[in-house]
Amino acid sequence: MRADAVTLLVSALLGYLLGSIPFGLVLTRLAGLGDIRQIGSGNIGATNVLRTGNKPLAAATLILDSGKGAIAALLALAWAGPEAAVFAAGGAMLGHSFPVWLGFKGGKGVATALGVLLAVSWPVGVIACATWLAMAFLFKISSLSALTALGLSPIFGWIFGGPLVAGLCLFIAVLVAIRHSANITRLLKGEEPKISFGKKKA
C-alpha cells in the first residue's frame, strides 16, 4: 500500500526534526571544548570534532549523527512503509545540513547519509561504508572518501533497492556534493588536507 501525500510530508518533517539535532555542537559544549563552529573548518560533524583532539567525542558524534538518520528512516518504515522511510531519510539529510536551530548552517551530511542508507537498504549502506573506508585508507582524505562512496551509491541503490532507493541515493549524493563544494575546489587544486588523528596543538 502506497503512503499518501500527508503521510510522506509528515515523515519528511519528522525526519528533518531528528536530523537537525546538532550532536557535534552539543557534545563539544558539554565537554567544555567551546563552540565547534569556531574550531577547524567550523563544521559540526565528526571530522571537525576530531580536530579538537578528543577521539571518543568524535566517535560519539559519528555514531549519533548516523543514528539519528537511521532512527528517522526506521521509525517511518515501521509506521508507513518504504516510501515514508525514504522521505524521512531525505528529511533527516536536510535537517542535518540545514538545521533551523543554527540558522540553516549545519553539517555536510556524510555520517547521517551512511546511517539512512543502512536503514533504508543495508546492502547499499554496507557498500557505501566499505567504499569510504577503502578510500580513506588509500588516500587519507575524508571528503574524497565521502564523495566517492556516496557518488557511487545510486548505482548500488538501483541494484539492491530499485528506483525508490536509487532516487534517495542520488538526492543524497547531490546534497553532499553541494555541501562539499569548497572541498571539491581544494581537491582540484591539490590542497585538501588529509585525515589527521593527532591531538590539537596548543
Protein backbone atom coordinates (compact mmCIF):
# COMPACT_ATOMS: atom_id res chain seq x y z
CA MET A 1 0.00 0.00 0.00
CA ARG A 2 1.39 3.37 -1.03
CA ALA A 3 1.63 6.12 1.57
CA ASP A 4 -0.48 9.21 0.93
CA ALA A 5 0.94 12.69 0.48
CA VAL A 6 0.20 13.79 4.04
CA THR A 7 1.97 10.75 5.47
CA LEU A 8 5.00 11.39 3.29
CA LEU A 9 5.08 15.06 4.30
CA VAL A 10 4.83 14.21 8.00
CA SER A 11 7.57 11.62 7.60
CA ALA A 12 9.85 14.16 5.94
CA LEU A 13 9.12 16.75 8.63
CA LEU A 14 9.80 14.36 11.49
CA GLY A 15 12.96 13.22 9.73
CA TYR A 16 14.02 16.84 9.40
CA LEU A 17 13.50 17.50 13.11
CA LEU A 18 15.50 14.43 14.10
CA GLY A 19 18.23 15.17 11.58
CA SER A 20 18.58 18.77 12.74
CA ILE A 21 19.80 17.81 16.24
CA PRO A 22 23.41 19.17 16.20
CA PHE A 23 25.13 16.45 18.21
CA GLY A 24 28.64 17.68 17.39
CA LEU A 25 27.85 21.13 18.77
CA VAL A 26 26.04 19.76 21.83
CA LEU A 27 28.75 17.24 22.74
CA THR A 28 31.67 19.64 22.38
CA ARG A 29 29.92 22.21 24.54
CA LEU A 30 29.08 19.62 27.20
CA ALA A 31 32.73 18.54 27.15
CA GLY A 32 33.84 22.13 27.78
CA LEU A 33 35.52 22.48 24.38
CA GLY A 34 33.55 25.54 23.35
CA ASP A 35 31.68 26.12 20.10
CA ILE A 36 32.76 23.59 17.44
CA ARG A 37 31.78 26.16 14.82
CA GLN A 38 34.79 28.23 15.94
CA ILE A 39 37.23 25.30 15.54
CA GLY A 40 38.90 23.98 12.39
CA SER A 41 36.54 24.05 9.42
CA GLY A 42 33.64 25.30 11.54
CA ASN A 43 31.64 22.21 10.63
CA ILE A 44 29.51 20.47 13.28
CA GLY A 45 30.31 16.93 12.08
CA ALA A 46 32.57 14.20 13.42
CA THR A 47 35.59 15.05 11.24
CA ASN A 48 35.76 18.55 12.70
CA VAL A 49 35.11 17.29 16.22
CA LEU A 50 38.18 15.08 15.73
CA ARG A 51 40.21 18.26 15.28
CA THR A 52 39.67 19.02 18.96
CA GLY A 53 41.89 16.01 19.70
CA ASN A 54 39.07 14.22 21.51
CA LYS A 55 38.70 10.92 19.66
CA PRO A 56 35.89 9.48 21.87
CA LEU A 57 33.87 12.65 21.33
CA ALA A 58 34.38 12.43 17.58
CA ALA A 59 33.33 8.76 17.63
CA ALA A 60 30.23 9.63 19.66
CA THR A 61 29.34 12.38 17.16
CA LEU A 62 29.76 9.94 14.27
CA ILE A 63 27.53 7.35 15.94
CA LEU A 64 24.83 9.83 16.95
CA ASP A 65 24.77 11.60 13.57
CA SER A 66 24.48 8.23 11.84
CA GLY A 67 21.95 7.01 14.37
CA LYS A 68 19.58 9.95 14.04
CA GLY A 69 19.30 9.34 10.30
CA ALA A 70 18.79 5.61 10.77
CA ILE A 71 16.19 6.10 13.50
CA ALA A 72 14.23 8.59 11.39
CA ALA A 73 14.09 6.15 8.50
CA LEU A 74 13.30 3.10 10.64
CA LEU A 75 10.50 4.84 12.53
CA ALA A 76 8.88 5.93 9.27
CA LEU A 77 9.34 2.44 7.83
CA ALA A 78 7.57 0.88 10.80
CA TRP A 79 4.83 3.49 10.70
CA ALA A 80 4.01 3.77 7.00
CA GLY A 81 6.34 1.67 4.85
CA PRO A 82 9.30 2.08 2.48
CA GLU A 83 8.15 5.27 0.76
CA ALA A 84 7.75 7.02 4.09
CA ALA A 85 11.19 5.77 5.15
CA VAL A 86 12.75 7.33 2.06
CA PHE A 87 11.06 10.68 2.70
CA ALA A 88 12.09 10.58 6.37
CA ALA A 89 15.65 9.79 5.28
CA GLY A 90 15.66 12.75 2.90
CA GLY A 91 14.24 14.95 5.64
CA ALA A 92 16.96 13.84 8.06
CA MET A 93 19.61 14.73 5.50
CA LEU A 94 18.14 18.20 5.01
CA GLY A 95 17.83 18.64 8.77
CA HIS A 96 21.47 17.83 9.39
CA SER A 97 22.69 20.00 6.52
CA PHE A 98 20.33 22.93 7.13
CA PRO A 99 19.12 22.88 10.79
CA VAL A 100 16.63 25.60 11.62
CA TRP A 101 18.13 25.97 15.12
CA LEU A 102 21.51 27.04 13.70
CA GLY A 103 20.30 29.44 11.05
CA PHE A 104 20.27 26.65 8.44
CA LYS A 105 24.05 26.25 8.74
CA GLY A 106 24.72 22.61 9.54
CA GLY A 107 26.99 19.70 8.71
CA LYS A 108 27.95 18.08 5.46
CA GLY A 109 25.76 15.02 5.99
CA VAL A 110 28.17 12.11 5.47
CA ALA A 111 27.57 10.26 8.75
CA THR A 112 23.82 10.87 8.52
CA ALA A 113 23.84 9.64 4.92
CA LEU A 114 25.54 6.38 5.89
CA GLY A 115 23.01 5.91 8.69
CA VAL A 116 19.96 6.40 6.48
CA LEU A 117 21.37 4.13 3.77
CA LEU A 118 21.99 1.35 6.30
CA ALA A 119 18.39 1.72 7.49
CA VAL A 120 16.71 2.00 4.09
CA SER A 121 18.78 -0.64 2.28
CA TRP A 122 21.50 -2.22 4.38
CA PRO A 123 23.46 -3.67 1.40
CA VAL A 124 23.79 -0.19 -0.07
CA GLY A 125 24.79 1.19 3.33
CA VAL A 126 27.42 -1.51 3.85
CA ILE A 127 28.90 -0.94 0.38
CA ALA A 128 28.98 2.82 0.96
CA CYS A 129 30.73 2.36 4.32
CA ALA A 130 33.21 -0.09 2.81
CA THR A 131 33.94 2.30 -0.06
CA TRP A 132 34.52 5.17 2.36
CA LEU A 133 36.90 3.07 4.46
CA ALA A 134 38.82 1.84 1.42
CA MET A 135 39.22 5.35 0.00
CA ALA A 136 40.19 6.74 3.40
CA PHE A 137 42.81 4.02 3.80
CA LEU A 138 44.23 4.65 0.33
CA PHE A 139 44.14 8.45 0.15
CA LYS A 140 43.52 9.62 3.75
CA ILE A 141 41.21 12.39 2.51
CA SER A 142 37.81 12.43 4.21
CA SER A 143 35.98 14.49 1.59
CA LEU A 144 37.23 12.37 -1.31
CA SER A 145 36.18 9.22 0.52
CA ALA A 146 32.70 10.57 1.15
CA LEU A 147 32.16 11.93 -2.35
CA THR A 148 33.28 8.66 -3.91
CA ALA A 149 31.19 6.44 -1.62
CA LEU A 150 28.02 8.48 -1.98
CA GLY A 151 28.61 9.26 -5.65
CA LEU A 152 28.59 5.53 -6.42
CA SER A 153 25.61 4.81 -4.16
CA PRO A 154 22.86 5.43 -6.78
CA ILE A 155 24.25 2.52 -8.82
CA PHE A 156 24.09 0.15 -5.88
CA GLY A 157 20.79 1.69 -4.78
CA TRP A 158 19.28 0.71 -8.13
CA ILE A 159 20.73 -2.80 -7.96
CA PHE A 160 19.69 -3.59 -4.39
CA GLY A 161 16.72 -1.33 -3.77
CA GLY A 162 15.23 -0.31 -7.10
CA PRO A 163 14.19 3.15 -8.32
CA LEU A 164 12.99 4.42 -4.92
CA VAL A 165 16.28 3.74 -3.15
CA ALA A 166 18.31 4.87 -6.18
CA GLY A 167 16.42 8.16 -6.15
CA LEU A 168 17.21 8.66 -2.46
CA CYS A 169 20.88 7.85 -3.14
CA LEU A 170 21.00 10.38 -5.98
CA PHE A 171 19.42 13.04 -3.76
CA ILE A 172 21.97 12.32 -1.03
CA ALA A 173 24.90 12.34 -3.46
CA VAL A 174 23.88 15.71 -4.91
CA LEU A 175 23.23 17.24 -1.48
CA VAL A 176 26.56 16.03 -0.09
CA ALA A 177 28.38 17.28 -3.20
CA ILE A 178 26.79 20.72 -2.74
CA ARG A 179 27.81 20.76 0.93
CA HIS A 180 31.35 19.80 -0.13
CA SER A 181 31.72 22.47 -2.81
CA ALA A 182 34.68 24.11 -1.05
CA ASN A 183 36.30 20.71 -0.52
CA ILE A 184 35.89 19.88 -4.21
CA THR A 185 37.65 23.14 -5.13
CA ARG A 186 40.54 22.28 -2.81
CA LEU A 187 40.68 18.72 -4.18
CA LEU A 188 41.04 20.03 -7.71
CA LYS A 189 43.86 22.31 -6.55
CA GLY A 190 45.53 19.52 -4.58
CA GLU A 191 45.09 21.50 -1.37
CA GLU A 192 42.60 19.34 0.54
CA PRO A 193 44.06 18.35 3.94
CA LYS A 194 44.43 14.71 4.85
CA ILE A 195 42.76 12.99 7.77
CA SER A 196 44.73 13.57 10.96
CA PHE A 197 44.28 11.60 14.14
CA GLY A 198 46.72 13.64 16.16
CA LYS A 199 45.83 15.91 19.04
CA LYS A 200 45.09 19.53 18.52
CA LYS A 201 48.20 21.68 19.05
CA ALA A 202 48.12 24.20 21.85
